[in-house]
């Protein structure tokens, strides 16, 4: 599963079954800026001078059209010029451009990752314990450490259990130029472990944003049961600047005329999505709390009799 599923779900909620005018590319379009010529199959009758079309996540402004050859201004409205393939879909006058949907999905992933909303991903990093060293670089490969859940070390013997290191402290914003802590995060251990054995750090991290429509959803770090949350949040964000389909006033052939859309209709649609998202967010954050309950005895305030850091 890729992020394209979230993009489609977000657009479906906003368009309410409305189908935009579509066409298909007949040749490769190279990555470029300025004005380019693209060739379409000619299915869309609404491609005319002055309209905006979208291919993948790039918006293009139509400056001229001759038969099925369309001259376009690339990278319109802040979208990024990219290469496109034959048979890619051309979306005409998109009300909710893909690059804005991706941006809104990422905004929502950041929002639900806040402590107030309770969503996170669990990640692990390891290092080898050295009896002569108290501070260790916490290499998280660029992932942000919101908080550390537990620190354990590999024991010896047939049981191969992982005793917990109770007393530790996370120090942030270390000098990255210093060789000791290139990640900027230092984990100070006040309890000992077995020299030469692996120390395992389990930490909470914000959800990972998507790069484009092909980003695997597994890379985001969100539980599969919560995959409906980002499209809900993205749809809410996009509704603040443009109404959803059933409140459109400019669609040809709409079953509701402008005077038939009562005051507050758009707000009501927004509240419907907000209520659904709030309920789902509470359910999924509760699920995470059940899986990773707060351990009040596992924090840096504890000091062992070793006396380090006193």
C-alpha atoms as a PDB file:
ATOM      1  CA  UNK A   1       0.000   0.000   0.000  1.00  0.00           C
ATOM      2  CA  UNK A   2       1.281   3.450  -0.906  1.00  0.00           C
ATOM      3  CA  UNK A   3       0.336   7.025  -0.077  1.00  0.00           C
ATOM      4  CA  UNK A   4      -1.727   7.134  -3.281  1.00  0.00           C
ATOM      5  CA  UNK A   5      -4.475   5.389  -1.297  1.00  0.00           C
ATOM      6  CA  UNK A   6      -4.580   8.263   1.207  1.00  0.00           C
ATOM      7  CA  UNK A   7      -4.577  10.821  -1.611  1.00  0.00           C
ATOM      8  CA  UNK A   8      -7.503   9.078  -3.329  1.00  0.00           C
ATOM      9  CA  UNK A   9      -9.457   8.719  -0.070  1.00  0.00           C
ATOM     10  CA  UNK A  10      -8.970  12.406   0.750  1.00  0.00           C
ATOM     11  CA  UNK A  11     -10.090  13.473  -2.717  1.00  0.00           C
ATOM     12  CA  UNK A  12     -13.111  11.120  -2.613  1.00  0.00           C
ATOM     13  CA  UNK A  13     -14.297  12.640   0.677  1.00  0.00           C
ATOM     14  CA  UNK A  14     -13.988  16.152  -0.715  1.00  0.00           C
ATOM     15  CA  UNK A  15     -15.496  15.491  -4.160  1.00  0.00           C
ATOM     16  CA  UNK A  16     -18.359  13.309  -2.876  1.00  0.00           C
ATOM     17  CA  UNK A  17     -18.507  11.200  -6.038  1.00  0.00           C
ATOM     18  CA  UNK A  18     -17.938  14.088  -8.451  1.00  0.00           C
ATOM     19  CA  UNK A  19     -15.607  13.036 -11.307  1.00  0.00           C
ATOM     20  CA  UNK A  20     -13.211  15.645 -12.650  1.00  0.00           C
ATOM     21  CA  UNK A  21     -12.445  15.965 -16.357  1.00  0.00           C
ATOM     22  CA  UNK A  22      -9.533  13.643 -17.143  1.00  0.00           C
ATOM     23  CA  UNK A  23      -7.193  12.950 -20.046  1.00  0.00           C
ATOM     24  CA  UNK A  24      -4.156  10.718 -20.641  1.00  0.00           C
ATOM     25  CA  UNK A  25      -0.595  11.498 -21.707  1.00  0.00           C
ATOM     26  CA  UNK A  26       0.575   9.828 -24.915  1.00  0.00           C
ATOM     27  CA  UNK A  27       4.316  10.397 -24.428  1.00  0.00           C
ATOM     28  CA  UNK A  28       7.033  10.972 -21.878  1.00  0.00           C
ATOM     29  CA  UNK A  29       7.293  14.442 -20.347  1.00  0.00           C
ATOM     30  CA  UNK A  30      10.813  15.260 -19.082  1.00  0.00           C
ATOM     31  CA  UNK A  31      11.492  17.154 -15.896  1.00  0.00           C
ATOM     32  CA  UNK A  32      11.767  20.805 -16.897  1.00  0.00           C
ATOM     33  CA  UNK A  33      10.924  24.371 -16.010  1.00  0.00           C
ATOM     34  CA  UNK A  34       9.492  27.108 -18.197  1.00  0.00           C
ATOM     35  CA  UNK A  35       7.161  26.233 -21.069  1.00  0.00           C
ATOM     36  CA  UNK A  36       6.885  22.653 -22.374  1.00  0.00           C
ATOM     37  CA  UNK A  37       4.735  20.866 -24.904  1.00  0.00           C
ATOM     38  CA  UNK A  38       2.792  17.792 -23.865  1.00  0.00           C
ATOM     39  CA  UNK A  39       0.575  15.552 -25.980  1.00  0.00           C
ATOM     40  CA  UNK A  40      -2.688  14.145 -24.687  1.00  0.00           C
ATOM     41  CA  UNK A  41      -5.165  11.698 -26.175  1.00  0.00           C
ATOM     42  CA  UNK A  42      -7.859  14.362 -26.469  1.00  0.00           C
ATOM     43  CA  UNK A  43     -10.516  12.926 -24.167  1.00  0.00           C
ATOM     44  CA  UNK A  44     -10.932  16.101 -22.091  1.00  0.00           C
ATOM     45  CA  UNK A  45     -12.895  18.832 -23.794  1.00  0.00           C
ATOM     46  CA  UNK A  46     -12.170  21.381 -21.056  1.00  0.00           C
ATOM     47  CA  UNK A  47      -8.439  21.771 -21.743  1.00  0.00           C
ATOM     48  CA  UNK A  48      -8.333  25.314 -23.060  1.00  0.00           C
ATOM     49  CA  UNK A  49      -5.996  28.273 -22.788  1.00  0.00           C
ATOM     50  CA  UNK A  50      -5.933  29.638 -19.243  1.00  0.00           C
ATOM     51  CA  UNK A  51      -6.939  26.461 -17.355  1.00  0.00           C
ATOM     52  CA  UNK A  52      -4.707  24.540 -14.961  1.00  0.00           C
ATOM     53  CA  UNK A  53      -4.007  20.855 -15.440  1.00  0.00           C
ATOM     54  CA  UNK A  54      -2.297  18.401 -13.118  1.00  0.00           C
ATOM     55  CA  UNK A  55      -0.103  15.389 -13.877  1.00  0.00           C
ATOM     56  CA  UNK A  56       0.806  13.386 -10.793  1.00  0.00           C
ATOM     57  CA  UNK A  57       1.620  16.153  -8.275  1.00  0.00           C
ATOM     58  CA  UNK A  58       2.692  18.838 -10.770  1.00  0.00           C
ATOM     59  CA  UNK A  59       0.375  21.668 -11.755  1.00  0.00           C
ATOM     60  CA  UNK A  60       0.725  23.218 -15.221  1.00  0.00           C
ATOM     61  CA  UNK A  61      -0.830  26.366 -16.640  1.00  0.00           C
ATOM     62  CA  UNK A  62      -2.097  25.977 -20.217  1.00  0.00           C
ATOM     63  CA  UNK A  63      -0.821  28.768 -22.467  1.00  0.00           C
ATOM     64  CA  UNK A  64      -1.823  27.301 -25.838  1.00  0.00           C
ATOM     65  CA  UNK A  65      -3.497  24.235 -27.319  1.00  0.00           C
ATOM     66  CA  UNK A  66      -3.371  23.004 -30.895  1.00  0.00           C
ATOM     67  CA  UNK A  67      -5.316  19.793 -31.437  1.00  0.00           C
ATOM     68  CA  UNK A  68      -3.889  17.375 -28.849  1.00  0.00           C
ATOM     69  CA  UNK A  69      -0.636  19.289 -28.310  1.00  0.00           C
ATOM     70  CA  UNK A  70      -0.763  21.426 -25.188  1.00  0.00           C
ATOM     71  CA  UNK A  71       1.809  24.119 -24.354  1.00  0.00           C
ATOM     72  CA  UNK A  72       2.058  24.500 -20.593  1.00  0.00           C
ATOM     73  CA  UNK A  73       3.913  26.545 -17.983  1.00  0.00           C
ATOM     74  CA  UNK A  74       5.565  24.004 -15.676  1.00  0.00           C
ATOM     75  CA  UNK A  75       5.552  23.944 -11.875  1.00  0.00           C
ATOM     76  CA  UNK A  76       2.532  26.202 -11.450  1.00  0.00           C
ATOM     77  CA  UNK A  77       1.342  27.440  -8.014  1.00  0.00           C
ATOM     78  CA  UNK A  78       4.292  26.134  -6.065  1.00  0.00           C
ATOM     79  CA  UNK A  79       4.198  22.568  -7.383  1.00  0.00           C
ATOM     80  CA  UNK A  80       7.484  20.886  -8.325  1.00  0.00           C
ATOM     81  CA  UNK A  81       8.294  20.100 -11.997  1.00  0.00           C
ATOM     82  CA  UNK A  82       8.864  16.378 -12.472  1.00  0.00           C
ATOM     83  CA  UNK A  83       9.171  13.765 -15.202  1.00  0.00           C
ATOM     84  CA  UNK A  84       5.955  12.032 -16.301  1.00  0.00           C
ATOM     85  CA  UNK A  85       5.298   8.846 -18.234  1.00  0.00           C
ATOM     86  CA  UNK A  86       2.993   7.911 -21.082  1.00  0.00           C
ATOM     87  CA  UNK A  87      -0.443   6.850 -19.799  1.00  0.00           C
ATOM     88  CA  UNK A  88      -0.193   9.137 -16.734  1.00  0.00           C
ATOM     89  CA  UNK A  89      -3.516  10.772 -15.929  1.00  0.00           C
ATOM     90  CA  UNK A  90      -4.035  14.445 -16.755  1.00  0.00           C
ATOM     91  CA  UNK A  91      -6.477  16.069 -14.325  1.00  0.00           C
ATOM     92  CA  UNK A  92      -8.152  19.240 -15.627  1.00  0.00           C
ATOM     93  CA  UNK A  93      -8.794  22.172 -13.261  1.00  0.00           C
ATOM     94  CA  UNK A  94      -8.330  20.109 -10.079  1.00  0.00           C
ATOM     95  CA  UNK A  95     -10.165  21.600  -7.128  1.00  0.00           C
ATOM     96  CA  UNK A  96      -7.886  19.776  -4.692  1.00  0.00           C
ATOM     97  CA  UNK A  97      -4.406  19.461  -6.254  1.00  0.00           C
ATOM     98  CA  UNK A  98      -2.345  16.432  -5.279  1.00  0.00           C
ATOM     99  CA  UNK A  99       0.595  18.446  -3.931  1.00  0.00           C
ATOM    100  CA  UNK A 100      -1.780  20.260  -1.561  1.00  0.00           C
ATOM    101  CA  UNK A 101      -3.310  16.962  -0.446  1.00  0.00           C
ATOM    102  CA  UNK A 102       0.177  15.560   0.275  1.00  0.00           C
ATOM    103  CA  UNK A 103       1.046  18.702   2.238  1.00  0.00           C
ATOM    104  CA  UNK A 104      -2.196  18.419   4.236  1.00  0.00           C
ATOM    105  CA  UNK A 105      -1.588  14.712   4.915  1.00  0.00           C
ATOM    106  CA  UNK A 106       1.850  15.542   6.302  1.00  0.00           C
ATOM    107  CA  UNK A 107       0.429  18.381   8.382  1.00  0.00           C
ATOM    108  CA  UNK A 108      -2.043  15.942   9.889  1.00  0.00           C
ATOM    109  CA  UNK A 109       0.648  13.332  10.578  1.00  0.00           C
ATOM    110  CA  UNK A 110       2.558  16.016  12.482  1.00  0.00           C
ATOM    111  CA  UNK A 111      -0.607  17.061  14.317  1.00  0.00           C
ATOM    112  CA  UNK A 112      -1.624  13.608  15.497  1.00  0.00           C
ATOM    113  CA  UNK A 113       2.003  12.980  16.561  1.00  0.00           C
ATOM    114  CA  UNK A 114       1.783  15.736  19.162  1.00  0.00           C
ATOM    115  CA  UNK A 115       1.638  14.627  22.827  1.00  0.00           C
ATOM    116  CA  UNK A 116      -1.869  16.092  23.071  1.00  0.00           C
ATOM    117  CA  UNK A 117      -3.138  13.658  20.416  1.00  0.00           C
ATOM    118  CA  UNK A 118      -1.127  10.671  21.552  1.00  0.00           C
ATOM    119  CA  UNK A 119      -0.012   9.036  18.298  1.00  0.00           C
ATOM    120  CA  UNK A 120       3.578   7.922  17.780  1.00  0.00           C
ATOM    121  CA  UNK A 121       5.749   5.197  16.328  1.00  0.00           C
ATOM    122  CA  UNK A 122       8.052   2.971  18.350  1.00  0.00           C
ATOM    123  CA  UNK A 123      11.621   2.679  17.113  1.00  0.00           C
ATOM    124  CA  UNK A 124      14.743   0.953  18.366  1.00  0.00           C
ATOM    125  CA  UNK A 125      18.440   1.771  18.399  1.00  0.00           C
ATOM    126  CA  UNK A 126      21.329  -0.156  19.925  1.00  0.00           C
ATOM    127  CA  UNK A 127      24.935   0.269  21.016  1.00  0.00           C
ATOM    128  CA  UNK A 128      27.564  -1.836  22.745  1.00  0.00           C
ATOM    129  CA  UNK A 129      28.132  -1.225  26.449  1.00  0.00           C
ATOM    130  CA  UNK A 130      31.589  -0.186  27.591  1.00  0.00           C
ATOM    131  CA  UNK A 131      32.276  -0.317  31.310  1.00  0.00           C
ATOM    132  CA  UNK A 132      34.562   2.713  31.086  1.00  0.00           C
ATOM    133  CA  UNK A 133      32.017   4.950  29.314  1.00  0.00           C
ATOM    134  CA  UNK A 134      28.921   6.609  30.838  1.00  0.00           C
ATOM    135  CA  UNK A 135      27.644   8.639  27.856  1.00  0.00           C
ATOM    136  CA  UNK A 136      26.665   7.097  24.524  1.00  0.00           C
ATOM    137  CA  UNK A 137      25.695   8.597  21.187  1.00  0.00           C
ATOM    138  CA  UNK A 138      22.057   7.815  20.455  1.00  0.00           C
ATOM    139  CA  UNK A 139      22.140   7.114  16.726  1.00  0.00           C
ATOM    140  CA  UNK A 140      18.518   7.176  15.528  1.00  0.00           C
ATOM    141  CA  UNK A 141      19.282   7.568  11.794  1.00  0.00           C
ATOM    142  CA  UNK A 142      17.642  10.981  11.697  1.00  0.00           C
ATOM    143  CA  UNK A 143      14.445  10.010  13.526  1.00  0.00           C
ATOM    144  CA  UNK A 144      13.339  12.411  16.256  1.00  0.00           C
ATOM    145  CA  UNK A 145      13.339  11.115  19.826  1.00  0.00           C
ATOM    146  CA  UNK A 146      10.197  12.330  21.583  1.00  0.00           C
ATOM    147  CA  UNK A 147      10.879  10.237  24.658  1.00  0.00           C
ATOM    148  CA  UNK A 148      12.601   7.026  25.668  1.00  0.00           C
ATOM    149  CA  UNK A 149      10.325   4.186  26.707  1.00  0.00           C
ATOM    150  CA  UNK A 150      12.832   1.688  28.045  1.00  0.00           C
ATOM    151  CA  UNK A 151      16.529   0.832  28.078  1.00  0.00           C
ATOM    152  CA  UNK A 152      17.569  -2.818  28.357  1.00  0.00           C
ATOM    153  CA  UNK A 153      20.735  -4.806  27.872  1.00  0.00           C
ATOM    154  CA  UNK A 154      21.475  -8.322  26.683  1.00  0.00           C
ATOM    155  CA  UNK A 155      22.346 -10.688  29.506  1.00  0.00           C
ATOM    156  CA  UNK A 156      24.318 -13.909  29.341  1.00  0.00           C
ATOM    157  CA  UNK A 157      23.102 -17.405  30.004  1.00  0.00           C
ATOM    158  CA  UNK A 158      20.461 -19.750  28.699  1.00  0.00           C
ATOM    159  CA  UNK A 159      17.540 -17.440  29.493  1.00  0.00           C
ATOM    160  CA  UNK A 160      18.892 -14.655  27.253  1.00  0.00           C
ATOM    161  CA  UNK A 161      16.635 -12.176  29.068  1.00  0.00           C
ATOM    162  CA  UNK A 162      16.934  -8.404  28.768  1.00  0.00           C
ATOM    163  CA  UNK A 163      17.401  -6.811  32.180  1.00  0.00           C
ATOM    164  CA  UNK A 164      16.269  -3.213  32.332  1.00  0.00           C
ATOM    165  CA  UNK A 165      18.583  -0.299  32.976  1.00  0.00           C
ATOM    166  CA  UNK A 166      16.578   1.824  35.383  1.00  0.00           C
ATOM    167  CA  UNK A 167      18.713   4.913  35.839  1.00  0.00           C
ATOM    168  CA  UNK A 168      19.588   6.994  32.782  1.00  0.00           C
ATOM    169  CA  UNK A 169      19.221  10.476  31.332  1.00  0.00           C
ATOM    170  CA  UNK A 170      18.669  11.691  27.773  1.00  0.00           C
ATOM    171  CA  UNK A 171      20.595  14.867  26.968  1.00  0.00           C
ATOM    172  CA  UNK A 172      19.554  16.664  23.806  1.00  0.00           C
ATOM    173  CA  UNK A 173      21.174  19.274  21.589  1.00  0.00           C
ATOM    174  CA  UNK A 174      24.734  18.062  22.115  1.00  0.00           C
ATOM    175  CA  UNK A 175      27.489  19.481  19.936  1.00  0.00           C
ATOM    176  CA  UNK A 176      27.156  17.484  16.711  1.00  0.00           C
ATOM    177  CA  UNK A 177      30.665  18.496  15.673  1.00  0.00           C
ATOM    178  CA  UNK A 178      32.052  16.615  18.652  1.00  0.00           C
ATOM    179  CA  UNK A 179      32.966  13.032  17.831  1.00  0.00           C
ATOM    180  CA  UNK A 180      31.260  11.664  20.969  1.00  0.00           C
ATOM    181  CA  UNK A 181      27.669  12.667  20.060  1.00  0.00           C
ATOM    182  CA  UNK A 182      27.317  13.238  16.272  1.00  0.00           C
ATOM    183  CA  UNK A 183      23.545  12.645  16.452  1.00  0.00           C
ATOM    184  CA  UNK A 184      23.087  15.471  18.959  1.00  0.00           C
ATOM    185  CA  UNK A 185      21.507  13.062  21.466  1.00  0.00           C
ATOM    186  CA  UNK A 186      23.466  11.614  24.377  1.00  0.00           C
ATOM    187  CA  UNK A 187      22.206   8.800  26.592  1.00  0.00           C
ATOM    188  CA  UNK A 188      23.900   8.857  30.007  1.00  0.00           C
ATOM    189  CA  UNK A 189      23.721   5.561  31.891  1.00  0.00           C
ATOM    190  CA  UNK A 190      23.881   5.603  35.688  1.00  0.00           C
ATOM    191  CA  UNK A 191      23.363   1.849  35.978  1.00  0.00           C
ATOM    192  CA  UNK A 192      25.795  -0.687  34.643  1.00  0.00           C
ATOM    193  CA  UNK A 193      25.455  -3.494  32.127  1.00  0.00           C
ATOM    194  CA  UNK A 194      27.665  -6.352  31.026  1.00  0.00           C
ATOM    195  CA  UNK A 195      30.679  -5.013  29.080  1.00  0.00           C
ATOM    196  CA  UNK A 196      30.602  -5.944  25.423  1.00  0.00           C
ATOM    197  CA  UNK A 197      26.875  -6.692  25.445  1.00  0.00           C
ATOM    198  CA  UNK A 198      24.253  -4.830  23.400  1.00  0.00           C
ATOM    199  CA  UNK A 199      22.165  -2.088  24.980  1.00  0.00           C
ATOM    200  CA  UNK A 200      18.745  -1.701  23.362  1.00  0.00           C
ATOM    201  CA  UNK A 201      16.873   1.617  23.511  1.00  0.00           C
ATOM    202  CA  UNK A 202      13.162   1.670  22.680  1.00  0.00           C
ATOM    203  CA  UNK A 203      11.936   5.211  21.999  1.00  0.00           C
ATOM    204  CA  UNK A 204       8.853   7.066  20.818  1.00  0.00           C
ATOM    205  CA  UNK A 205       9.164   9.084  17.608  1.00  0.00           C
ATOM    206  CA  UNK A 206       6.756  11.254  15.574  1.00  0.00           C
ATOM    207  CA  UNK A 207       5.152   9.672  12.524  1.00  0.00           C
ATOM    208  CA  UNK A 208       7.192   9.944   9.331  1.00  0.00           C
ATOM    209  CA  UNK A 209       5.859  12.274   6.585  1.00  0.00           C
ATOM    210  CA  UNK A 210       5.239  10.975   3.086  1.00  0.00           C
ATOM    211  CA  UNK A 211       7.484  12.175   0.259  1.00  0.00           C
ATOM    212  CA  UNK A 212       5.144  11.504  -2.646  1.00  0.00           C
ATOM    213  CA  UNK A 213       2.303   9.273  -3.810  1.00  0.00           C
ATOM    214  CA  UNK A 214       4.568   6.211  -4.027  1.00  0.00           C
ATOM    215  CA  UNK A 215       5.735   6.339  -0.393  1.00  0.00           C
ATOM    216  CA  UNK A 216       4.878   2.987   1.268  1.00  0.00           C
ATOM    217  CA  UNK A 217       2.440   3.512   4.127  1.00  0.00           C
ATOM    218  CA  UNK A 218       4.518   1.119   6.233  1.00  0.00           C
ATOM    219  CA  UNK A 219       7.291   3.752   6.234  1.00  0.00           C
ATOM    220  CA  UNK A 220       5.040   6.233   8.049  1.00  0.00           C
ATOM    221  CA  UNK A 221       5.053   4.182  11.258  1.00  0.00           C
ATOM    222  CA  UNK A 222       1.287   4.388  11.740  1.00  0.00           C
ATOM    223  CA  UNK A 223      -0.627   1.293  12.829  1.00  0.00           C
ATOM    224  CA  UNK A 224      -2.742  -0.174  10.029  1.00  0.00           C
ATOM    225  CA  UNK A 225      -5.848   0.247  12.193  1.00  0.00           C
ATOM    226  CA  UNK A 226      -5.290   4.030  12.079  1.00  0.00           C
ATOM    227  CA  UNK A 227      -4.833   4.394   8.317  1.00  0.00           C
ATOM    228  CA  UNK A 228      -8.136   6.278   8.067  1.00  0.00           C
ATOM    229  CA  UNK A 229      -6.925   9.154  10.252  1.00  0.00           C
ATOM    230  CA  UNK A 230      -4.631  11.152   7.890  1.00  0.00           C
ATOM    231  CA  UNK A 231      -7.226  11.386   5.061  1.00  0.00           C
ATOM    232  CA  UNK A 232      -9.812  12.641   7.576  1.00  0.00           C
ATOM    233  CA  UNK A 233      -7.461  15.320   8.871  1.00  0.00           C
ATOM    234  CA  UNK A 234      -6.327  16.320   5.391  1.00  0.00           C
ATOM    235  CA  UNK A 235      -9.928  16.651   4.193  1.00  0.00           C
ATOM    236  CA  UNK A 236     -10.713  18.889   7.173  1.00  0.00           C
ATOM    237  CA  UNK A 237      -7.722  21.123   6.465  1.00  0.00           C
ATOM    238  CA  UNK A 238      -8.562  21.469   2.774  1.00  0.00           C
ATOM    239  CA  UNK A 239     -12.187  22.275   3.567  1.00  0.00           C
ATOM    240  CA  UNK A 240     -11.097  25.429   5.367  1.00  0.00           C
ATOM    241  CA  UNK A 241     -10.213  27.009   2.003  1.00  0.00           C
ATOM    242  CA  UNK A 242     -12.704  25.292  -0.309  1.00  0.00           C
ATOM    243  CA  UNK A 243     -16.034  23.536   0.332  1.00  0.00           C
ATOM    244  CA  UNK A 244     -16.566  19.844  -0.331  1.00  0.00           C
ATOM    245  CA  UNK A 245     -18.431  18.723  -3.439  1.00  0.00           C
ATOM    246  CA  UNK A 246     -21.992  18.851  -2.144  1.00  0.00           C
ATOM    247  CA  UNK A 247     -21.524  22.536  -1.253  1.00  0.00           C
ATOM    248  CA  UNK A 248     -19.912  23.551  -4.571  1.00  0.00           C
ATOM    249  CA  UNK A 249     -21.595  26.538  -6.181  1.00  0.00           C
ATOM    250  CA  UNK A 250     -19.766  26.484  -9.520  1.00  0.00           C
ATOM    251  CA  UNK A 251     -20.193  22.886 -10.749  1.00  0.00           C
ATOM    252  CA  UNK A 252     -22.106  22.477 -13.959  1.00  0.00           C
ATOM    253  CA  UNK A 253     -25.180  20.323 -13.538  1.00  0.00           C
ATOM    254  CA  UNK A 254     -25.087  20.380  -9.727  1.00  0.00           C
ATOM    255  CA  UNK A 255     -28.235  19.123  -8.049  1.00  0.00           C
ATOM    256  CA  UNK A 256     -28.070  22.099  -5.668  1.00  0.00           C
ATOM    257  CA  UNK A 257     -28.186  25.695  -6.846  1.00  0.00           C
ATOM    258  CA  UNK A 258     -26.407  28.428  -4.935  1.00  0.00           C
ATOM    259  CA  UNK A 259     -29.583  29.489  -3.138  1.00  0.00           C
ATOM    260  CA  UNK A 260     -30.204  25.873  -2.130  1.00  0.00           C
ATOM    261  CA  UNK A 261     -27.005  25.701  -0.075  1.00  0.00           C
ATOM    262  CA  UNK A 262     -28.145  27.012   3.329  1.00  0.00           C
ATOM    263  CA  UNK A 263     -25.932  29.090   5.643  1.00  0.00           C
ATOM    264  CA  UNK A 264     -23.813  26.809   7.798  1.00  0.00           C
ATOM    265  CA  UNK A 265     -23.897  23.840   5.429  1.00  0.00           C
ATOM    266  CA  UNK A 266     -20.146  23.900   4.927  1.00  0.00           C
ATOM    267  CA  UNK A 267     -19.559  24.226   8.684  1.00  0.00           C
ATOM    268  CA  UNK A 268     -21.842  21.259   9.277  1.00  0.00           C
ATOM    269  CA  UNK A 269     -19.837  19.107   6.870  1.00  0.00           C
ATOM    270  CA  UNK A 270     -16.657  20.173   8.622  1.00  0.00           C
ATOM    271  CA  UNK A 271     -18.102  19.275  12.037  1.00  0.00           C
ATOM    272  CA  UNK A 272     -19.101  15.842  10.751  1.00  0.00           C
ATOM    273  CA  UNK A 273     -15.526  15.099   9.716  1.00  0.00           C
ATOM    274  CA  UNK A 274     -14.118  16.632  12.904  1.00  0.00           C
ATOM    275  CA  UNK A 275     -16.364  14.506  15.127  1.00  0.00           C
ATOM    276  CA  UNK A 276     -15.444  11.336  13.277  1.00  0.00           C
ATOM    277  CA  UNK A 277     -11.734  12.144  13.396  1.00  0.00           C
ATOM    278  CA  UNK A 278     -11.846  12.957  17.116  1.00  0.00           C
ATOM    279  CA  UNK A 279     -13.535   9.654  17.933  1.00  0.00           C
ATOM    280  CA  UNK A 280     -11.083   7.663  15.828  1.00  0.00           C
ATOM    281  CA  UNK A 281      -8.095   9.525  17.294  1.00  0.00           C
ATOM    282  CA  UNK A 282      -9.219   8.750  20.831  1.00  0.00           C
ATOM    283  CA  UNK A 283      -9.668   5.087  19.936  1.00  0.00           C
ATOM    284  CA  UNK A 284      -6.256   4.722  18.323  1.00  0.00           C
ATOM    285  CA  UNK A 285      -4.345   6.679  20.985  1.00  0.00           C
ATOM    286  CA  UNK A 286      -6.007   4.491  23.632  1.00  0.00           C
ATOM    287  CA  UNK A 287      -4.838   1.436  21.734  1.00  0.00           C
ATOM    288  CA  UNK A 288      -1.247   2.705  21.848  1.00  0.00           C
ATOM    289  CA  UNK A 289      -1.506   3.436  25.571  1.00  0.00           C
ATOM    290  CA  UNK A 290      -2.657  -0.138  26.135  1.00  0.00           C
ATOM    291  CA  UNK A 291       0.264  -1.481  24.120  1.00  0.00           C
ATOM    292  CA  UNK A 292       2.839   0.810  25.733  1.00  0.00           C
ATOM    293  CA  UNK A 293       1.547   1.797  29.201  1.00  0.00           C
ATOM    294  CA  UNK A 294       3.256   4.585  31.100  1.00  0.00           C
ATOM    295  CA  UNK A 295       6.044   3.201  33.277  1.00  0.00           C
ATOM    296  CA  UNK A 296       6.435   5.680  36.086  1.00  0.00           C
ATOM    297  CA  UNK A 297       9.515   3.958  37.491  1.00  0.00           C
ATOM    298  CA  UNK A 298      11.419   4.300  34.209  1.00  0.00           C
ATOM    299  CA  UNK A 299      12.767   7.808  34.095  1.00  0.00           C
ATOM    300  CA  UNK A 300      15.968   9.759  34.500  1.00  0.00           C
ATOM    301  CA  UNK A 301      15.131  11.065  37.977  1.00  0.00           C
ATOM    302  CA  UNK A 302      16.149   7.719  39.456  1.00  0.00           C
ATOM    303  CA  UNK A 303      19.771   7.504  40.573  1.00  0.00           C
ATOM    304  CA  UNK A 304      21.543   4.325  41.519  1.00  0.00           C
ATOM    305  CA  UNK A 305      24.030   3.860  44.322  1.00  0.00           C
ATOM    306  CA  UNK A 306      26.822   4.131  41.737  1.00  0.00           C
ATOM    307  CA  UNK A 307      26.688   7.904  42.130  1.00  0.00           C
ATOM    308  CA  UNK A 308      27.385   8.852  38.519  1.00  0.00           C
ATOM    309  CA  UNK A 309      26.367  12.387  37.649  1.00  0.00           C
ATOM    310  CA  UNK A 310      26.089  13.513  41.250  1.00  0.00           C
END
